[in-house]
Amino acid sequence: NSYLPSAFSHCKVHMIPQRPRAEMEQYLQRHFQVAQ
């Protein structure tokens, strides 16, 4: 109900993660792992 979410409320989409936590962790690990 704060200003900006209310101003864009006509565009609102409620999101629930669609992937299992383990799969999300693997995805982020692939991108955040330093090779050297």
PDB file of all heavy atoms in Angstrom:
ATOM      1  N   ASN A   1       0.805  -1.215   0.000  1.00  0.00           N
ATOM      2  CA  ASN A   1       0.000   0.000   0.000  1.00  0.00           C
ATOM      3  C   ASN A   1       0.841   1.269   0.000  1.00  0.00           C
ATOM      4  O   ASN A   1       0.295   2.363   0.054  1.00  0.00           O
ATOM      5  CB  ASN A   1      -0.964   0.005   1.193  1.00  0.00           C
ATOM      6  CG  ASN A   1      -2.011  -1.084   1.066  1.00  0.00           C
ATOM      7  OD1 ASN A   1      -2.450  -1.390  -0.033  1.00  0.00           O
ATOM      8  ND2 ASN A   1      -2.385  -1.686   2.183  1.00  0.00           N
ATOM      9  N   SER A   2       2.161   1.139  -0.053  1.00  0.00           N
ATOM     10  CA  SER A   2       2.999   2.326  -0.159  1.00  0.00           C
ATOM     11  C   SER A   2       2.826   2.914  -1.558  1.00  0.00           C
ATOM     12  O   SER A   2       2.205   2.323  -2.430  1.00  0.00           O
ATOM     13  CB  SER A   2       4.456   2.002   0.165  1.00  0.00           C
ATOM     14  OG  SER A   2       4.954   1.034  -0.705  1.00  0.00           O
ATOM     15  N   TYR A   3       3.379   4.094  -1.789  1.00  0.00           N
ATOM     16  CA  TYR A   3       3.039   4.868  -2.976  1.00  0.00           C
ATOM     17  C   TYR A   3       3.329   4.165  -4.302  1.00  0.00           C
ATOM     18  O   TYR A   3       2.442   4.011  -5.139  1.00  0.00           O
ATOM     19  CB  TYR A   3       3.744   6.230  -2.954  1.00  0.00           C
ATOM     20  CG  TYR A   3       3.266   7.100  -4.081  1.00  0.00           C
ATOM     21  CD1 TYR A   3       2.130   7.877  -3.940  1.00  0.00           C
ATOM     22  CD2 TYR A   3       3.915   7.109  -5.308  1.00  0.00           C
ATOM     23  CE1 TYR A   3       1.656   8.647  -4.982  1.00  0.00           C
ATOM     24  CE2 TYR A   3       3.451   7.874  -6.360  1.00  0.00           C
ATOM     25  CZ  TYR A   3       2.319   8.648  -6.186  1.00  0.00           C
ATOM     26  OH  TYR A   3       1.850   9.398  -7.230  1.00  0.00           O
ATOM     27  N   LEU A   4       4.553   3.758  -4.532  1.00  0.00           N
ATOM     28  CA  LEU A   4       4.914   3.200  -5.841  1.00  0.00           C
ATOM     29  C   LEU A   4       4.179   1.896  -6.154  1.00  0.00           C
ATOM     30  O   LEU A   4       3.649   1.755  -7.258  1.00  0.00           O
ATOM     31  CB  LEU A   4       6.428   3.034  -5.953  1.00  0.00           C
ATOM     32  CG  LEU A   4       7.011   3.240  -7.335  1.00  0.00           C
ATOM     33  CD1 LEU A   4       6.612   4.565  -7.945  1.00  0.00           C
ATOM     34  CD2 LEU A   4       8.505   3.124  -7.312  1.00  0.00           C
ATOM     35  N   PRO A   5       4.089   0.934  -5.235  1.00  0.00           N
ATOM     36  CA  PRO A   5       3.299  -0.261  -5.552  1.00  0.00           C
ATOM     37  C   PRO A   5       1.830   0.075  -5.845  1.00  0.00           C
ATOM     38  O   PRO A   5       1.218  -0.534  -6.721  1.00  0.00           O
ATOM     39  CB  PRO A   5       3.422  -1.126  -4.292  1.00  0.00           C
ATOM     40  CG  PRO A   5       4.676  -0.677  -3.653  1.00  0.00           C
ATOM     41  CD  PRO A   5       4.796   0.787  -3.959  1.00  0.00           C
ATOM     42  N   SER A   6       1.269   1.060  -5.151  1.00  0.00           N
ATOM     43  CA  SER A   6      -0.114   1.457  -5.411  1.00  0.00           C
ATOM     44  C   SER A   6      -0.257   2.099  -6.785  1.00  0.00           C
ATOM     45  O   SER A   6      -1.225   1.855  -7.497  1.00  0.00           O
ATOM     46  CB  SER A   6      -0.600   2.443  -4.340  1.00  0.00           C
ATOM     47  OG  SER A   6      -0.638   1.812  -3.083  1.00  0.00           O
ATOM     48  N   ALA A   7       0.730   2.924  -7.166  1.00  0.00           N
ATOM     49  CA  ALA A   7       0.679   3.610  -8.458  1.00  0.00           C
ATOM     50  C   ALA A   7       0.725   2.618  -9.621  1.00  0.00           C
ATOM     51  O   ALA A   7       0.143   2.865 -10.675  1.00  0.00           O
ATOM     52  CB  ALA A   7       1.821   4.610  -8.565  1.00  0.00           C
ATOM     53  N   PHE A   8       1.415   1.508  -9.437  1.00  0.00           N
ATOM     54  CA  PHE A   8       1.541   0.511 -10.498  1.00  0.00           C
ATOM     55  C   PHE A   8       0.691  -0.733 -10.209  1.00  0.00           C
ATOM     56  O   PHE A   8       0.931  -1.793 -10.780  1.00  0.00           O
ATOM     57  CB  PHE A   8       3.004   0.106 -10.673  1.00  0.00           C
ATOM     58  CG  PHE A   8       3.843   1.188 -11.281  1.00  0.00           C
ATOM     59  CD1 PHE A   8       4.575   2.050 -10.484  1.00  0.00           C
ATOM     60  CD2 PHE A   8       3.890   1.351 -12.650  1.00  0.00           C
ATOM     61  CE1 PHE A   8       5.344   3.051 -11.043  1.00  0.00           C
ATOM     62  CE2 PHE A   8       4.652   2.356 -13.224  1.00  0.00           C
ATOM     63  CZ  PHE A   8       5.385   3.205 -12.416  1.00  0.00           C
ATOM     64  N   SER A   9      -0.300  -0.609  -9.352  1.00  0.00           N
ATOM     65  CA  SER A   9      -1.102  -1.772  -8.951  1.00  0.00           C
ATOM     66  C   SER A   9      -1.848  -2.414 -10.124  1.00  0.00           C
ATOM     67  O   SER A   9      -2.140  -3.603 -10.085  1.00  0.00           O
ATOM     68  CB  SER A   9      -2.088  -1.393  -7.851  1.00  0.00           C
ATOM     69  OG  SER A   9      -3.022  -0.445  -8.334  1.00  0.00           O
ATOM     70  N   HIS A  10      -2.113  -1.647 -11.173  1.00  0.00           N
ATOM     71  CA  HIS A  10      -2.794  -2.220 -12.337  1.00  0.00           C
ATOM     72  C   HIS A  10      -1.899  -3.201 -13.100  1.00  0.00           C
ATOM     73  O   HIS A  10      -2.382  -3.968 -13.927  1.00  0.00           O
ATOM     74  CB  HIS A  10      -3.284  -1.106 -13.274  1.00  0.00           C
ATOM     75  CG  HIS A  10      -2.183  -0.267 -13.827  1.00  0.00           C
ATOM     76  ND1 HIS A  10      -1.543   0.712 -13.080  1.00  0.00           N
ATOM     77  CD2 HIS A  10      -1.605  -0.255 -15.042  1.00  0.00           C
ATOM     78  CE1 HIS A  10      -0.616   1.278 -13.830  1.00  0.00           C
ATOM     79  NE2 HIS A  10      -0.627   0.716 -15.018  1.00  0.00           N
ATOM     80  N   CYS A  11      -0.614  -3.209 -12.793  1.00  0.00           N
ATOM     81  CA  CYS A  11       0.340  -4.115 -13.450  1.00  0.00           C
ATOM     82  C   CYS A  11       0.762  -5.255 -12.528  1.00  0.00           C
ATOM     83  O   CYS A  11       1.631  -6.048 -12.888  1.00  0.00           O
ATOM     84  CB  CYS A  11       1.592  -3.347 -13.863  1.00  0.00           C
ATOM     85  SG  CYS A  11       1.287  -1.934 -14.911  1.00  0.00           S
ATOM     86  N   LYS A  12       0.185  -5.340 -11.351  1.00  0.00           N
ATOM     87  CA  LYS A  12       0.643  -6.261 -10.307  1.00  0.00           C
ATOM     88  C   LYS A  12       0.481  -7.726 -10.712  1.00  0.00           C
ATOM     89  O   LYS A  12      -0.530  -8.131 -11.258  1.00  0.00           O
ATOM     90  CB  LYS A  12      -0.128  -6.018  -9.027  1.00  0.00           C
ATOM     91  CG  LYS A  12       0.376  -6.821  -7.859  1.00  0.00           C
ATOM     92  CD  LYS A  12      -0.460  -6.728  -6.609  1.00  0.00           C
ATOM     93  CE  LYS A  12      -1.042  -5.419  -6.312  1.00  0.00           C
ATOM     94  NZ  LYS A  12      -1.746  -5.362  -5.032  1.00  0.00           N
ATOM     95  N   VAL A  13       1.525  -8.493 -10.418  1.00  0.00           N
ATOM     96  CA  VAL A  13       1.507  -9.944 -10.608  1.00  0.00           C
ATOM     97  C   VAL A  13       2.085 -10.556  -9.337  1.00  0.00           C
ATOM     98  O   VAL A  13       3.198 -10.245  -8.945  1.00  0.00           O
ATOM     99  CB  VAL A  13       2.371 -10.367 -11.827  1.00  0.00           C
ATOM    100  CG1 VAL A  13       2.415 -11.877 -11.938  1.00  0.00           C
ATOM    101  CG2 VAL A  13       1.859  -9.733 -13.094  1.00  0.00           C
ATOM    102  N   HIS A  14       1.312 -11.405  -8.684  1.00  0.00           N
ATOM    103  CA  HIS A  14       1.824 -12.097  -7.497  1.00  0.00           C
ATOM    104  C   HIS A  14       2.686 -13.253  -7.962  1.00  0.00           C
ATOM    105  O   HIS A  14       2.273 -14.051  -8.793  1.00  0.00           O
ATOM    106  CB  HIS A  14       0.679 -12.605  -6.621  1.00  0.00           C
ATOM    107  CG  HIS A  14      -0.050 -11.506  -5.937  1.00  0.00           C
ATOM    108  ND1 HIS A  14       0.431 -10.879  -4.818  1.00  0.00           N
ATOM    109  CD2 HIS A  14      -1.220 -10.894  -6.229  1.00  0.00           C
ATOM    110  CE1 HIS A  14      -0.406  -9.947  -4.441  1.00  0.00           C
ATOM    111  NE2 HIS A  14      -1.422  -9.927  -5.290  1.00  0.00           N
ATOM    112  N   MET A  15       3.909 -13.319  -7.437  1.00  0.00           N
ATOM    113  CA  MET A  15       4.855 -14.341  -7.869  1.00  0.00           C
ATOM    114  C   MET A  15       5.169 -15.306  -6.735  1.00  0.00           C
ATOM    115  O   MET A  15       5.408 -14.894  -5.616  1.00  0.00           O
ATOM    116  CB  MET A  15       6.165 -13.703  -8.336  1.00  0.00           C
ATOM    117  CG  MET A  15       6.055 -12.950  -9.629  1.00  0.00           C
ATOM    118  SD  MET A  15       5.675 -13.992 -11.027  1.00  0.00           S
ATOM    119  CE  MET A  15       7.026 -15.128 -11.024  1.00  0.00           C
ATOM    120  N   ILE A  16       5.163 -16.550  -7.080  1.00  0.00           N
ATOM    121  CA  ILE A  16       5.606 -17.613  -6.185  1.00  0.00           C
ATOM    122  C   ILE A  16       6.688 -18.362  -6.953  1.00  0.00           C
ATOM    123  O   ILE A  16       6.495 -18.692  -8.128  1.00  0.00           O
ATOM    124  CB  ILE A  16       4.450 -18.567  -5.827  1.00  0.00           C
ATOM    125  CG1 ILE A  16       3.370 -17.790  -5.077  1.00  0.00           C
ATOM    126  CG2 ILE A  16       4.950 -19.741  -5.008  1.00  0.00           C
ATOM    127  CD1 ILE A  16       2.097 -18.583  -4.855  1.00  0.00           C
ATOM    128  N   PRO A  17       7.854 -18.580  -6.351  1.00  0.00           N
ATOM    129  CA  PRO A  17       8.907 -19.295  -7.085  1.00  0.00           C
ATOM    130  C   PRO A  17       8.384 -20.598  -7.670  1.00  0.00           C
ATOM    131  O   PRO A  17       7.714 -21.376  -6.992  1.00  0.00           O
ATOM    132  CB  PRO A  17       9.969 -19.557  -6.023  1.00  0.00           C
ATOM    133  CG  PRO A  17       9.735 -18.504  -4.992  1.00  0.00           C
ATOM    134  CD  PRO A  17       8.253 -18.253  -4.985  1.00  0.00           C
ATOM    135  N   GLN A  18       8.673 -20.807  -8.944  1.00  0.00           N
ATOM    136  CA  GLN A  18       8.182 -21.977  -9.657  1.00  0.00           C
ATOM    137  C   GLN A  18       9.194 -23.119  -9.694  1.00  0.00           C
ATOM    138  O   GLN A  18       8.879 -24.202 -10.160  1.00  0.00           O
ATOM    139  CB  GLN A  18       7.814 -21.597 -11.094  1.00  0.00           C
ATOM    140  CG  GLN A  18       6.750 -20.537 -11.183  1.00  0.00           C
ATOM    141  CD  GLN A  18       5.425 -21.010 -10.617  1.00  0.00           C
ATOM    142  OE1 GLN A  18       4.975 -22.103 -10.930  1.00  0.00           O
ATOM    143  NE2 GLN A  18       4.802 -20.213  -9.769  1.00  0.00           N
ATOM    144  N   ARG A  19      10.392 -22.867  -9.256  1.00  0.00           N
ATOM    145  CA  ARG A  19      11.437 -23.889  -9.277  1.00  0.00           C
ATOM    146  C   ARG A  19      11.784 -24.295  -7.851  1.00  0.00           C
ATOM    147  O   ARG A  19      11.713 -23.481  -6.928  1.00  0.00           O
ATOM    148  CB  ARG A  19      12.704 -23.340  -9.946  1.00  0.00           C
ATOM    149  CG  ARG A  19      12.512 -22.803 -11.342  1.00  0.00           C
ATOM    150  CD  ARG A  19      12.420 -23.951 -12.340  1.00  0.00           C
ATOM    151  NE  ARG A  19      12.173 -23.467 -13.676  1.00  0.00           N
ATOM    152  CZ  ARG A  19      13.090 -23.380 -14.615  1.00  0.00           C
ATOM    153  NH1 ARG A  19      14.307 -23.758 -14.390  1.00  0.00           N
ATOM    154  NH2 ARG A  19      12.757 -22.930 -15.809  1.00  0.00           N
ATOM    155  N   PRO A  20      12.219 -25.513  -7.662  1.00  0.00           N
ATOM    156  CA  PRO A  20      12.646 -25.939  -6.324  1.00  0.00           C
ATOM    157  C   PRO A  20      13.890 -25.164  -5.878  1.00  0.00           C
ATOM    158  O   PRO A  20      14.703 -24.736  -6.697  1.00  0.00           O
ATOM    159  CB  PRO A  20      12.982 -27.426  -6.497  1.00  0.00           C
ATOM    160  CG  PRO A  20      12.460 -27.825  -7.830  1.00  0.00           C
ATOM    161  CD  PRO A  20      12.266 -26.590  -8.638  1.00  0.00           C
ATOM    162  N   ARG A  21      14.017 -25.002  -4.583  1.00  0.00           N
ATOM    163  CA  ARG A  21      15.130 -24.237  -4.020  1.00  0.00           C
ATOM    164  C   ARG A  21      16.481 -24.791  -4.469  1.00  0.00           C
ATOM    165  O   ARG A  21      17.383 -24.039  -4.821  1.00  0.00           O
ATOM    166  CB  ARG A  21      15.031 -24.228  -2.500  1.00  0.00           C
ATOM    167  CG  ARG A  21      16.146 -23.471  -1.851  1.00  0.00           C
ATOM    168  CD  ARG A  21      16.026 -23.489  -0.357  1.00  0.00           C
ATOM    169  NE  ARG A  21      17.174 -22.847   0.227  1.00  0.00           N
ATOM    170  CZ  ARG A  21      17.158 -22.251   1.376  1.00  0.00           C
ATOM    171  NH1 ARG A  21      16.049 -22.190   2.072  1.00  0.00           N
ATOM    172  NH2 ARG A  21      18.254 -21.707   1.846  1.00  0.00           N
ATOM    173  N   ALA A  22      16.631 -26.110  -4.482  1.00  0.00           N
ATOM    174  CA  ALA A  22      17.906 -26.719  -4.873  1.00  0.00           C
ATOM    175  C   ALA A  22      18.272 -26.343  -6.308  1.00  0.00           C
ATOM    176  O   ALA A  22      19.441 -26.072  -6.603  1.00  0.00           O
ATOM    177  CB  ALA A  22      17.829 -28.236  -4.726  1.00  0.00           C
ATOM    178  N   GLU A  23      17.302 -26.319  -7.191  1.00  0.00           N
ATOM    179  CA  GLU A  23      17.558 -25.957  -8.587  1.00  0.00           C
ATOM    180  C   GLU A  23      17.975 -24.482  -8.701  1.00  0.00           C
ATOM    181  O   GLU A  23      18.874 -24.140  -9.470  1.00  0.00           O
ATOM    182  CB  GLU A  23      16.298 -26.217  -9.420  1.00  0.00           C
ATOM    183  CG  GLU A  23      16.527 -26.133 -10.901  1.00  0.00           C
ATOM    184  CD  GLU A  23      15.276 -26.514 -11.681  1.00  0.00           C
ATOM    185  OE1 GLU A  23      14.512 -27.378 -11.218  1.00  0.00           O
ATOM    186  OE2 GLU A  23      15.086 -25.939 -12.768  1.00  0.00           O
ATOM    187  N   MET A  24      17.336 -23.609  -7.913  1.00  0.00           N
ATOM    188  CA  MET A  24      17.716 -22.190  -7.922  1.00  0.00           C
ATOM    189  C   MET A  24      19.130 -22.009  -7.383  1.00  0.00           C
ATOM    190  O   MET A  24      19.910 -21.215  -7.908  1.00  0.00           O
ATOM    191  CB  MET A  24      16.718 -21.366  -7.110  1.00  0.00           C
ATOM    192  CG  MET A  24      15.379 -21.210  -7.785  1.00  0.00           C
ATOM    193  SD  MET A  24      14.289 -20.055  -6.958  1.00  0.00           S
ATOM    194  CE  MET A  24      13.554 -21.097  -5.716  1.00  0.00           C
ATOM    195  N   GLU A  25      19.472 -22.755  -6.328  1.00  0.00           N
ATOM    196  CA  GLU A  25      20.816 -22.664  -5.760  1.00  0.00           C
ATOM    197  C   GLU A  25      21.868 -23.119  -6.769  1.00  0.00           C
ATOM    198  O   GLU A  25      22.927 -22.502  -6.886  1.00  0.00           O
ATOM    199  CB  GLU A  25      20.906 -23.483  -4.477  1.00  0.00           C
ATOM    200  CG  GLU A  25      20.193 -22.843  -3.312  1.00  0.00           C
ATOM    201  CD  GLU A  25      20.179 -23.717  -2.070  1.00  0.00           C
ATOM    202  OE1 GLU A  25      20.598 -24.901  -2.129  1.00  0.00           O
ATOM    203  OE2 GLU A  25      19.729 -23.217  -1.025  1.00  0.00           O
ATOM    204  N   GLN A  26      21.603 -24.192  -7.504  1.00  0.00           N
ATOM    205  CA  GLN A  26      22.543 -24.662  -8.525  1.00  0.00           C
ATOM    206  C   GLN A  26      22.726 -23.617  -9.621  1.00  0.00           C
ATOM    207  O   GLN A  26      23.836 -23.387 -10.094  1.00  0.00           O
ATOM    208  CB  GLN A  26      22.063 -25.972  -9.138  1.00  0.00           C
ATOM    209  CG  GLN A  26      22.198 -27.148  -8.230  1.00  0.00           C
ATOM    210  CD  GLN A  26      21.588 -28.406  -8.839  1.00  0.00           C
ATOM    211  OE1 GLN A  26      20.906 -28.363  -9.855  1.00  0.00           O
ATOM    212  NE2 GLN A  26      21.831 -29.537  -8.191  1.00  0.00           N
ATOM    213  N   TYR A  27      21.635 -22.996 -10.031  1.00  0.00           N
ATOM    214  CA  TYR A  27      21.695 -21.958 -11.063  1.00  0.00           C
ATOM    215  C   TYR A  27      22.579 -20.789 -10.611  1.00  0.00           C
ATOM    216  O   TYR A  27      23.475 -20.349 -11.337  1.00  0.00           O
ATOM    217  CB  TYR A  27      20.278 -21.469 -11.376  1.00  0.00           C
ATOM    218  CG  TYR A  27      20.238 -20.273 -12.289  1.00  0.00           C
ATOM    219  CD1 TYR A  27      20.405 -20.425 -13.660  1.00  0.00           C
ATOM    220  CD2 TYR A  27      20.021 -18.997 -11.790  1.00  0.00           C
ATOM    221  CE1 TYR A  27      20.365 -19.332 -14.507  1.00  0.00           C
ATOM    222  CE2 TYR A  27      19.976 -17.904 -12.628  1.00  0.00           C
ATOM    223  CZ  TYR A  27      20.149 -18.077 -13.980  1.00  0.00           C
ATOM    224  OH  TYR A  27      20.118 -16.992 -14.808  1.00  0.00           O
ATOM    225  N   LEU A  28      22.350 -20.310  -9.393  1.00  0.00           N
ATOM    226  CA  LEU A  28      23.147 -19.193  -8.878  1.00  0.00           C
ATOM    227  C   LEU A  28      24.592 -19.613  -8.660  1.00  0.00           C
ATOM    228  O   LEU A  28      25.512 -18.838  -8.915  1.00  0.00           O
ATOM    229  CB  LEU A  28      22.534 -18.660  -7.585  1.00  0.00           C
ATOM    230  CG  LEU A  28      21.190 -17.956  -7.762  1.00  0.00           C
ATOM    231  CD1 LEU A  28      20.579 -17.629  -6.405  1.00  0.00           C
ATOM    232  CD2 LEU A  28      21.337 -16.706  -8.603  1.00  0.00           C
ATOM    233  N   GLN A  29      24.819 -20.842  -8.213  1.00  0.00           N
ATOM    234  CA  GLN A  29      26.179 -21.316  -8.003  1.00  0.00           C
ATOM    235  C   GLN A  29      26.953 -21.325  -9.316  1.00  0.00           C
ATOM    236  O   GLN A  29      28.116 -20.937  -9.360  1.00  0.00           O
ATOM    237  CB  GLN A  29      26.155 -22.716  -7.391  1.00  0.00           C
ATOM    238  CG  GLN A  29      27.530 -23.232  -7.035  1.00  0.00           C
ATOM    239  CD  GLN A  29      27.457 -24.561  -6.311  1.00  0.00           C
ATOM    240  OE1 GLN A  29      26.435 -25.235  -6.316  1.00  0.00           O
ATOM    241  NE2 GLN A  29      28.548 -24.943  -5.682  1.00  0.00           N
ATOM    242  N   ARG A  30      26.305 -21.714 -10.387  1.00  0.00           N
ATOM    243  CA  ARG A  30      26.962 -21.743 -11.695  1.00  0.00           C
ATOM    244  C   ARG A  30      27.418 -20.334 -12.107  1.00  0.00           C
ATOM    245  O   ARG A  30      28.479 -20.159 -12.679  1.00  0.00           O
ATOM    246  CB  ARG A  30      26.012 -22.329 -12.737  1.00  0.00           C
ATOM    247  CG  ARG A  30      26.587 -22.415 -14.122  1.00  0.00           C
ATOM    248  CD  ARG A  30      25.716 -23.126 -15.144  1.00  0.00           C
ATOM    249  NE  ARG A  30      24.286 -22.909 -15.027  1.00  0.00           N
ATOM    250  CZ  ARG A  30      23.401 -23.840 -14.658  1.00  0.00           C
ATOM    251  NH1 ARG A  30      23.794 -25.052 -14.358  1.00  0.00           N
ATOM    252  NH2 ARG A  30      22.119 -23.564 -14.592  1.00  0.00           N
ATOM    253  N   HIS A  31      26.638 -19.321 -11.762  1.00  0.00           N
ATOM    254  CA  HIS A  31      26.962 -17.960 -12.165  1.00  0.00           C
ATOM    255  C   HIS A  31      27.907 -17.238 -11.205  1.00  0.00           C
ATOM    256  O   HIS A  31      28.591 -16.298 -11.606  1.00  0.00           O
ATOM    257  CB  HIS A  31      25.690 -17.136 -12.339  1.00  0.00           C
ATOM    258  CG  HIS A  31      24.940 -17.486 -13.584  1.00  0.00           C
ATOM    259  ND1 HIS A  31      25.354 -17.087 -14.829  1.00  0.00           N
ATOM    260  CD2 HIS A  31      23.823 -18.213 -13.776  1.00  0.00           C
ATOM    261  CE1 HIS A  31      24.517 -17.547 -15.735  1.00  0.00           C
ATOM    262  NE2 HIS A  31      23.576 -18.239 -15.129  1.00  0.00           N
ATOM    263  N   PHE A  32      27.927 -17.654  -9.931  1.00  0.00           N
ATOM    264  CA  PHE A  32      28.744 -16.942  -8.946  1.00  0.00           C
ATOM    265  C   PHE A  32      30.044 -17.649  -8.597  1.00  0.00           C
ATOM    266  O   PHE A  32      30.799 -17.172  -7.771  1.00  0.00           O
ATOM    267  CB  PHE A  32      27.940 -16.698  -7.664  1.00  0.00           C
ATOM    268  CG  PHE A  32      26.898 -15.626  -7.799  1.00  0.00           C
ATOM    269  CD1 PHE A  32      25.576 -15.892  -7.498  1.00  0.00           C
ATOM    270  CD2 PHE A  32      27.233 -14.359  -8.228  1.00  0.00           C
ATOM    271  CE1 PHE A  32      24.610 -14.911  -7.617  1.00  0.00           C
ATOM    272  CE2 PHE A  32      26.279 -13.369  -8.354  1.00  0.00           C
ATOM    273  CZ  PHE A  32      24.962 -13.644  -8.048  1.00  0.00           C
ATOM    274  N   GLN A  33      30.341 -18.768  -9.227  1.00  0.00           N
ATOM    275  CA  GLN A  33      31.575 -19.485  -8.919  1.00  0.00           C
ATOM    276  C   GLN A  33      32.722 -18.889  -9.725  1.00  0.00           C
ATOM    277  O   GLN A  33      32.607 -18.666 -10.935  1.00  0.00           O
ATOM    278  CB  GLN A  33      31.429 -20.963  -9.236  1.00  0.00           C
ATOM    279  CG  GLN A  33      32.504 -21.801  -8.602  1.00  0.00           C
ATOM    280  CD  GLN A  33      32.135 -23.273  -8.629  1.00  0.00           C
ATOM    281  OE1 GLN A  33      31.506 -23.740  -9.567  1.00  0.00           O
ATOM    282  NE2 GLN A  33      32.522 -23.988  -7.593  1.00  0.00           N
ATOM    283  N   VAL A  34      33.824 -18.624  -9.045  1.00  0.00           N
ATOM    284  CA  VAL A  34      35.008 -18.052  -9.676  1.00  0.00           C
ATOM    285  C   VAL A  34      35.922 -19.195 -10.111  1.00  0.00           C
ATOM    286  O   VAL A  34      36.279 -20.054  -9.303  1.00  0.00           O
ATOM    287  CB  VAL A  34      35.742 -17.104  -8.703  1.00  0.00           C
ATOM    288  CG1 VAL A  34      37.026 -16.588  -9.308  1.00  0.00           C
ATOM    289  CG2 VAL A  34      34.821 -15.964  -8.307  1.00  0.00           C
ATOM    290  N   ALA A  35      36.312 -19.190 -11.380  1.00  0.00           N
ATOM    291  CA  ALA A  35      37.137 -20.276 -11.919  1.00  0.00           C
ATOM    292  C   ALA A  35      38.544 -20.253 -11.329  1.00  0.00           C
ATOM    293  O   ALA A  35      39.082 -21.283 -10.944  1.00  0.00           O
ATOM    294  CB  ALA A  35      37.194 -20.179 -13.439  1.00  0.00           C
ATOM    295  N   GLN A  36      39.168 -19.099 -11.270  1.00  0.00           N
ATOM    296  CA  GLN A  36      40.522 -18.945 -10.747  1.00  0.00           C
ATOM    297  C   GLN A  36      40.471 -18.069  -9.497  1.00  0.00           C
ATOM    298  O   GLN A  36      40.642 -16.861  -9.583  1.00  0.00           O
ATOM    299  CB  GLN A  36      41.436 -18.300 -11.794  1.00  0.00           C
ATOM    300  CG  GLN A  36      41.553 -19.074 -13.091  1.00  0.00           C
ATOM    301  CD  GLN A  36      42.261 -20.402 -12.898  1.00  0.00           C
ATOM    302  OE1 GLN A  36      43.127 -20.538 -12.055  1.00  0.00           O
ATOM    303  NE2 GLN A  36      41.871 -21.391 -13.696  1.00  0.00           N
TER     304      GLN A  36
END
